[in-house]
N, C-alpha and C. Protein backbone atom coordinates (compact mmCIF):
# COMPACT_ATOMS: atom_id res chain seq x y z
N UNK A 1 0.89 -1.36 -0.02
CA UNK A 1 -0.10 0.07 -0.07
C UNK A 1 0.84 1.24 0.04
N UNK A 2 0.43 2.02 -0.70
CA UNK A 2 1.25 3.43 -0.70
C UNK A 2 0.40 4.55 -0.76
N UNK A 3 0.73 5.56 -0.04
CA UNK A 3 -0.30 6.79 0.28
C UNK A 3 1.02 7.97 -0.19
N UNK A 4 0.33 8.95 -1.15
CA UNK A 4 0.82 10.30 -1.12
C UNK A 4 0.71 11.05 -0.09
N UNK A 5 1.79 11.87 0.16
CA UNK A 5 1.56 12.74 1.26
C UNK A 5 2.21 14.21 1.03
N UNK A 6 1.79 15.11 1.64
CA UNK A 6 2.23 16.58 1.44
C UNK A 6 3.24 16.93 2.28
N UNK A 7 3.58 16.36 3.55
CA UNK A 7 4.55 16.67 4.44
C UNK A 7 5.24 15.41 4.88
N UNK A 8 6.12 14.91 4.08
CA UNK A 8 6.78 13.71 4.30
C UNK A 8 7.45 13.59 5.74
N UNK A 9 7.92 14.46 6.23
CA UNK A 9 8.95 14.60 7.52
C UNK A 9 7.86 14.47 8.49
N UNK A 10 6.67 15.08 8.58
CA UNK A 10 5.66 14.96 9.70
C UNK A 10 5.13 13.76 9.54
N UNK A 11 4.76 13.39 8.44
CA UNK A 11 4.00 11.86 8.33
C UNK A 11 4.92 10.75 8.56
N UNK A 12 6.26 10.95 8.15
CA UNK A 12 7.04 9.75 8.42
C UNK A 12 7.30 9.64 10.16
N UNK A 13 7.43 10.89 10.73
CA UNK A 13 7.41 10.69 12.09
C UNK A 13 6.20 10.21 12.79
N UNK A 14 5.04 10.44 12.31
CA UNK A 14 3.51 10.12 12.72
C UNK A 14 3.54 8.40 12.67
N UNK A 15 4.18 7.97 11.52
CA UNK A 15 3.87 6.57 11.07
C UNK A 15 4.92 5.73 11.82
N UNK A 16 6.21 6.40 12.02
CA UNK A 16 7.25 5.65 12.88
C UNK A 16 6.58 5.19 14.18
N UNK A 17 5.81 6.19 14.74
CA UNK A 17 5.45 6.05 16.15
C UNK A 17 4.34 5.16 16.11
N UNK A 18 3.39 5.26 15.29
CA UNK A 18 1.88 4.35 14.95
C UNK A 18 2.45 3.09 14.74
N UNK A 19 3.06 2.90 13.77
CA UNK A 19 3.40 1.40 13.10
C UNK A 19 4.28 0.79 14.09
N UNK A 20 4.91 1.27 14.95
CA UNK A 20 5.88 0.49 16.09
C UNK A 20 4.84 -0.26 16.73
N UNK A 21 3.82 0.14 17.16
CA UNK A 21 2.67 -0.50 17.96
C UNK A 21 2.38 -1.80 17.37
N UNK A 22 2.47 -1.68 15.94
CA UNK A 22 2.09 -3.09 15.37
C UNK A 22 3.36 -3.82 14.97
N UNK A 23 4.36 -3.59 15.47
CA UNK A 23 5.75 -4.36 14.86
C UNK A 23 6.09 -4.09 13.40
N UNK A 24 5.73 -2.83 12.81
CA UNK A 24 6.39 -2.56 11.59
C UNK A 24 7.44 -1.67 11.94
N UNK A 25 8.34 -1.64 11.10
CA UNK A 25 9.63 -0.89 11.28
C UNK A 25 9.85 -0.28 9.98
N UNK A 26 10.55 1.01 10.07
CA UNK A 26 10.95 1.82 8.79
C UNK A 26 12.09 0.80 8.23
N UNK A 27 12.39 0.76 7.02
CA UNK A 27 13.37 0.14 6.51
C UNK A 27 14.21 1.22 5.69
N UNK A 28 15.44 1.45 6.56
CA UNK A 28 16.33 2.36 6.13
C UNK A 28 17.26 2.05 4.92
N UNK A 29 17.31 0.90 4.45
CA UNK A 29 18.14 0.43 3.34
C UNK A 29 17.49 0.45 2.10
N UNK A 30 16.19 0.63 2.30
CA UNK A 30 15.30 0.69 0.84
C UNK A 30 14.58 1.90 0.79
N UNK A 31 14.43 2.46 -0.25
CA UNK A 31 13.79 3.67 -0.55
C UNK A 31 12.72 3.42 -1.72
N UNK A 32 11.42 4.00 -1.51
CA UNK A 32 10.30 3.91 -2.70
C UNK A 32 10.52 5.05 -3.71
N UNK A 33 11.58 4.82 -4.24
CA UNK A 33 11.69 5.76 -5.35
C UNK A 33 12.46 7.31 -4.64
N UNK A 34 12.47 8.12 -5.33
CA UNK A 34 12.79 9.52 -4.80
C UNK A 34 11.89 10.00 -3.48
N UNK A 35 12.46 10.14 -2.58
CA UNK A 35 11.83 10.74 -1.22
C UNK A 35 10.68 9.82 -0.79
N UNK A 36 10.81 8.57 -1.01
CA UNK A 36 9.81 7.75 -0.40
C UNK A 36 10.50 6.89 0.74
N UNK A 37 9.32 6.41 1.66
CA UNK A 37 10.04 5.60 2.71
C UNK A 37 9.03 4.46 2.99
N UNK A 38 9.52 3.14 3.41
CA UNK A 38 9.05 2.07 3.53
C UNK A 38 8.91 1.41 5.00
N UNK A 39 7.78 0.93 5.30
CA UNK A 39 7.67 0.07 6.58
C UNK A 39 7.14 -1.29 6.24
N UNK A 40 7.60 -2.08 7.19
CA UNK A 40 7.10 -3.42 7.20
C UNK A 40 7.62 -4.18 8.22
N UNK A 41 7.13 -5.73 8.27
CA UNK A 41 7.65 -6.36 9.50
C UNK A 41 9.10 -6.63 9.33
N UNK A 42 9.79 -6.59 10.41
CA UNK A 42 11.30 -6.90 10.20
C UNK A 42 11.55 -8.26 9.45
N UNK A 43 10.83 -9.29 9.59
CA UNK A 43 11.31 -10.59 9.23
C UNK A 43 10.53 -10.95 7.82
N UNK A 44 9.90 -9.90 7.42
CA UNK A 44 9.19 -10.06 5.91
C UNK A 44 9.49 -8.87 5.03
N UNK A 45 9.40 -9.31 3.68
CA UNK A 45 9.60 -8.06 2.63
C UNK A 45 8.43 -7.48 2.30
N UNK A 46 7.14 -8.49 2.42
CA UNK A 46 5.83 -7.97 2.17
C UNK A 46 4.89 -8.53 3.09
N UNK A 47 3.85 -7.67 3.38
CA UNK A 47 3.46 -6.56 2.80
C UNK A 47 4.17 -5.17 3.31
N UNK A 48 4.08 -4.20 2.48
CA UNK A 48 4.86 -3.21 2.68
C UNK A 48 3.86 -1.76 2.89
N UNK A 49 4.26 -0.81 3.50
CA UNK A 49 3.41 0.24 3.58
C UNK A 49 4.66 1.39 3.10
N UNK A 50 3.96 2.38 2.20
CA UNK A 50 5.00 3.39 1.62
C UNK A 50 4.25 4.58 1.77
N UNK A 51 5.18 5.64 2.01
CA UNK A 51 4.82 6.92 1.99
C UNK A 51 5.82 7.92 0.90
N UNK A 52 5.29 8.63 -0.01
CA UNK A 52 5.91 9.51 -0.77
C UNK A 52 5.18 10.56 -1.21
N UNK A 53 5.75 11.47 -2.06
CA UNK A 53 5.24 12.45 -2.83
C UNK A 53 4.40 11.84 -4.04
N UNK A 54 3.32 12.28 -4.62
CA UNK A 54 2.78 11.77 -5.63
C UNK A 54 3.53 11.79 -6.89
N UNK A 55 3.83 10.81 -7.61
CA UNK A 55 4.74 10.81 -8.69
C UNK A 55 4.21 11.74 -9.86
N UNK A 56 2.94 12.08 -9.82
CA UNK A 56 2.55 13.08 -11.07
C UNK A 56 2.71 14.45 -10.76
N UNK A 57 3.42 14.78 -9.31
CA UNK A 57 3.79 16.04 -8.98
C UNK A 57 2.39 16.81 -8.54
N UNK A 58 1.42 16.42 -8.65
CA UNK A 58 0.24 17.30 -8.04
C UNK A 58 0.21 17.00 -6.21
N UNK A 59 -0.55 17.82 -5.77
CA UNK A 59 -0.53 17.75 -4.43
C UNK A 59 -1.20 16.50 -3.87
N UNK A 60 -0.87 15.76 -2.88
CA UNK A 60 -1.46 14.63 -2.26
C UNK A 60 -2.84 15.09 -1.82
N UNK A 61 -3.83 14.26 -1.80
CA UNK A 61 -5.20 14.43 -1.27
C UNK A 61 -5.56 12.99 -0.60
N UNK A 62 -6.49 13.20 0.26
CA UNK A 62 -7.16 11.89 0.80
C UNK A 62 -8.10 11.29 -0.16
N UNK A 63 -8.61 10.31 -0.22
CA UNK A 63 -9.46 9.73 -1.16
C UNK A 63 -10.69 9.38 -0.40
N UNK A 64 -11.90 9.87 -0.62
CA UNK A 64 -13.12 9.54 0.00
C UNK A 64 -13.58 8.18 -0.40
N UNK A 65 -13.90 7.51 0.59
CA UNK A 65 -14.26 6.11 0.71
C UNK A 65 -13.24 5.04 0.73
N UNK A 66 -11.72 5.43 0.78
CA UNK A 66 -10.69 4.70 0.85
C UNK A 66 -10.25 4.65 2.36
N UNK A 67 -9.60 3.62 2.75
CA UNK A 67 -9.18 3.23 4.05
C UNK A 67 -8.04 2.33 3.93
N UNK A 68 -6.88 2.66 4.77
CA UNK A 68 -5.81 1.76 4.91
C UNK A 68 -5.96 1.18 6.22
N UNK A 69 -6.07 -0.14 6.18
CA UNK A 69 -6.15 -0.96 7.24
C UNK A 69 -4.78 -1.74 7.53
N UNK A 70 -4.33 -1.72 9.02
CA UNK A 70 -3.33 -2.48 9.42
C UNK A 70 -3.58 -3.64 10.30
N UNK A 71 -3.15 -4.65 10.08
CA UNK A 71 -3.45 -5.86 11.02
C UNK A 71 -2.31 -5.69 12.20
N UNK A 72 -3.24 -6.07 13.07
CA UNK A 72 -2.41 -5.99 14.70
C UNK A 72 -2.41 -7.14 15.36
N UNK A 73 -1.53 -7.53 15.81
CA UNK A 73 -1.08 -8.78 16.48
C UNK A 73 -1.97 -9.26 17.54
N UNK A 74 -2.70 -8.06 18.20
CA UNK A 74 -3.59 -8.27 19.30
C UNK A 74 -4.79 -7.01 19.41
N UNK A 75 -5.66 -7.40 20.21
CA UNK A 75 -6.33 -6.10 20.30
C UNK A 75 -6.05 -5.01 20.95
N UNK A 76 -4.98 -5.34 22.04
CA UNK A 76 -4.28 -4.30 22.77
C UNK A 76 -3.41 -3.82 21.66
N UNK A 77 -2.87 -4.18 20.56
CA UNK A 77 -1.82 -3.50 19.86
C UNK A 77 -2.75 -2.56 18.93
N UNK A 78 -3.94 -3.05 18.56
CA UNK A 78 -5.00 -2.34 17.77
C UNK A 78 -5.11 -0.81 18.36
N UNK A 79 -5.49 -1.20 19.69
CA UNK A 79 -5.95 -0.10 20.65
C UNK A 79 -4.70 1.01 20.91
N UNK A 80 -3.56 0.35 20.99
CA UNK A 80 -2.28 1.04 21.29
C UNK A 80 -1.97 2.03 20.16
N UNK A 81 -2.11 1.20 18.67
CA UNK A 81 -1.73 2.14 17.70
C UNK A 81 -2.78 3.23 17.33
N UNK A 82 -3.97 3.04 17.82
CA UNK A 82 -5.10 4.10 17.64
C UNK A 82 -4.86 5.26 18.69
N UNK A 83 -4.35 4.81 19.73
CA UNK A 83 -4.17 5.74 20.68
C UNK A 83 -2.85 6.55 20.41
N UNK A 84 -1.88 6.19 20.04
CA UNK A 84 -0.71 6.80 19.63
C UNK A 84 -1.08 7.65 18.54
N UNK A 85 -1.90 7.17 17.48
CA UNK A 85 -2.09 8.18 16.48
C UNK A 85 -2.75 9.29 17.04
N UNK A 86 -3.85 9.22 17.83
CA UNK A 86 -4.58 10.20 18.37
C UNK A 86 -3.66 11.33 19.07
N UNK A 87 -2.65 10.80 19.75
CA UNK A 87 -1.83 11.76 20.30
C UNK A 87 -1.16 12.47 19.43
N UNK A 88 -0.74 12.08 18.31
CA UNK A 88 0.05 12.45 17.16
C UNK A 88 -0.81 13.38 16.34
N UNK A 89 -2.24 13.50 16.69
CA UNK A 89 -2.87 14.42 15.72
C UNK A 89 -3.85 13.88 14.90
N UNK A 90 -3.93 12.56 14.95
CA UNK A 90 -5.17 11.74 14.25
C UNK A 90 -6.43 12.22 14.80
N UNK A 91 -7.51 11.95 14.00
CA UNK A 91 -8.93 12.31 14.27
C UNK A 91 -9.52 10.87 14.47
N UNK A 92 -10.34 11.00 15.65
CA UNK A 92 -10.98 9.57 16.17
C UNK A 92 -12.11 9.62 15.04
N UNK A 93 -12.08 8.23 14.50
CA UNK A 93 -13.42 8.02 13.60
C UNK A 93 -14.12 6.63 13.98
N UNK A 94 -13.54 6.28 15.33
CA UNK A 94 -14.13 4.86 15.83
C UNK A 94 -13.24 4.39 16.98
N UNK A 95 -13.81 4.68 18.05
CA UNK A 95 -12.97 3.88 19.23
C UNK A 95 -12.60 2.39 19.35
N UNK A 96 -11.88 1.94 19.83
CA UNK A 96 -11.55 0.46 19.97
C UNK A 96 -12.61 -0.30 20.40
N UNK A 97 -12.81 -1.43 19.75
CA UNK A 97 -13.79 -2.22 20.29
C UNK A 97 -14.30 -3.50 19.08
N UNK A 98 -14.83 -4.39 19.66
CA UNK A 98 -15.47 -5.52 18.85
C UNK A 98 -16.56 -4.92 17.81
N UNK A 99 -16.45 -5.48 16.53
CA UNK A 99 -17.26 -4.98 15.36
C UNK A 99 -18.07 -6.22 14.87
N UNK A 100 -18.99 -6.84 15.76
CA UNK A 100 -19.51 -8.18 15.11
C UNK A 100 -20.35 -8.17 13.95
N UNK A 101 -20.47 -6.87 13.36
CA UNK A 101 -21.22 -6.70 12.11
C UNK A 101 -20.49 -7.21 11.01
N UNK A 102 -19.02 -7.25 11.22
CA UNK A 102 -18.03 -7.52 10.20
C UNK A 102 -17.58 -9.13 10.36
N UNK A 103 -17.42 -9.36 11.69
CA UNK A 103 -17.15 -10.92 11.97
C UNK A 103 -17.05 -10.84 13.54
N UNK A 104 -17.54 -12.17 14.05
CA UNK A 104 -17.58 -12.13 15.41
C UNK A 104 -16.17 -11.72 16.48
N UNK A 105 -14.95 -12.05 15.55
CA UNK A 105 -13.89 -11.43 16.09
C UNK A 105 -13.24 -10.34 15.74
N UNK A 106 -13.67 -9.55 15.02
CA UNK A 106 -13.31 -8.10 14.31
C UNK A 106 -13.33 -7.25 15.36
N UNK A 107 -11.85 -7.03 15.79
CA UNK A 107 -11.69 -5.96 16.77
C UNK A 107 -10.99 -4.61 16.05
N UNK A 108 -11.55 -3.52 16.08
CA UNK A 108 -11.05 -2.50 15.22
C UNK A 108 -11.14 -1.30 16.05
N UNK A 109 -10.33 -0.09 15.47
CA UNK A 109 -10.23 1.16 15.90
C UNK A 109 -9.98 2.01 14.67
N UNK A 110 -10.64 3.05 14.44
CA UNK A 110 -10.47 3.71 13.31
C UNK A 110 -10.03 5.31 13.48
N UNK A 111 -9.40 5.95 12.65
CA UNK A 111 -9.03 7.31 12.75
C UNK A 111 -8.54 7.91 11.38
N UNK A 112 -8.32 9.11 11.29
CA UNK A 112 -7.73 9.82 10.05
C UNK A 112 -6.39 10.45 10.68
N UNK A 113 -5.38 10.13 9.51
CA UNK A 113 -4.03 10.63 9.98
C UNK A 113 -3.94 12.14 9.68
N UNK A 114 -2.92 12.75 10.11
CA UNK A 114 -3.11 14.32 9.91
C UNK A 114 -3.37 14.77 8.78
N UNK A 115 -3.06 14.24 7.63
CA UNK A 115 -3.38 14.64 6.34
C UNK A 115 -4.88 14.16 5.73
N UNK A 116 -5.72 13.39 6.77
CA UNK A 116 -6.93 13.14 6.59
C UNK A 116 -7.07 11.59 5.79
N UNK A 117 -6.13 10.74 5.70
CA UNK A 117 -6.17 9.42 5.29
C UNK A 117 -6.86 8.85 6.28
N UNK A 118 -7.92 7.81 5.96
CA UNK A 118 -8.62 7.13 6.92
C UNK A 118 -8.01 5.74 7.41
N UNK A 119 -7.71 5.56 8.55
CA UNK A 119 -6.82 4.24 9.00
C UNK A 119 -8.15 3.33 9.84
N UNK A 120 -7.38 2.03 9.80
CA UNK A 120 -8.28 0.95 10.55
C UNK A 120 -6.90 0.38 11.32
N UNK A 121 -7.18 0.07 12.41
CA UNK A 121 -6.16 -1.06 13.18
C UNK A 121 -7.06 -2.04 13.65
N UNK A 122 -6.83 -3.31 13.09
CA UNK A 122 -7.74 -4.35 13.23
C UNK A 122 -6.88 -5.66 13.76
N UNK A 123 -7.64 -6.30 14.63
CA UNK A 123 -7.15 -7.48 14.99
C UNK A 123 -8.49 -8.54 14.66
N UNK A 124 -8.17 -9.76 14.17
CA UNK A 124 -9.15 -10.82 14.07
C UNK A 124 -8.29 -12.09 13.89
N UNK A 125 -8.94 -13.35 14.45
CA UNK A 125 -8.08 -14.42 14.24
C UNK A 125 -7.57 -14.66 12.77
N UNK A 126 -6.45 -14.97 12.62
CA UNK A 126 -5.95 -15.40 11.13
C UNK A 126 -5.48 -14.16 10.51
N UNK A 127 -5.79 -12.85 11.01
CA UNK A 127 -5.24 -11.80 10.04
C UNK A 127 -4.01 -11.59 9.70
N UNK A 128 -3.18 -11.96 10.78
CA UNK A 128 -1.60 -11.90 10.66
C UNK A 128 -0.86 -13.31 10.16
N UNK A 129 -1.68 -14.06 9.88
CA UNK A 129 -1.24 -15.49 9.29
C UNK A 129 -0.46 -15.48 8.36
């Protein structure tokens, strides 16, 4: 997954803190092209999360109806990532909790990052398999 951002430095700091709660680390030896950064689990190459300026040179904007979902290793990790995000300027879009309308074990928390991208931190049996 890749997001275009306007303020790469600010967003890199935001995601460094938030994604650490989920066991994702920034990969210093790899770049996503010019001015791009990558996060992933230390023991896997994929999946990756990437931030960079849009390739077409236009300003980055959030997409209405889009959401980036991050698999959490536990309900506590999902709640912790959401909590850190809010302390760093994210907007609350749904407090941590079970969402049985999706699945009996679906535990999620929702927010918008400082640039307006909708995020979901989710734990469910088998999500990290």
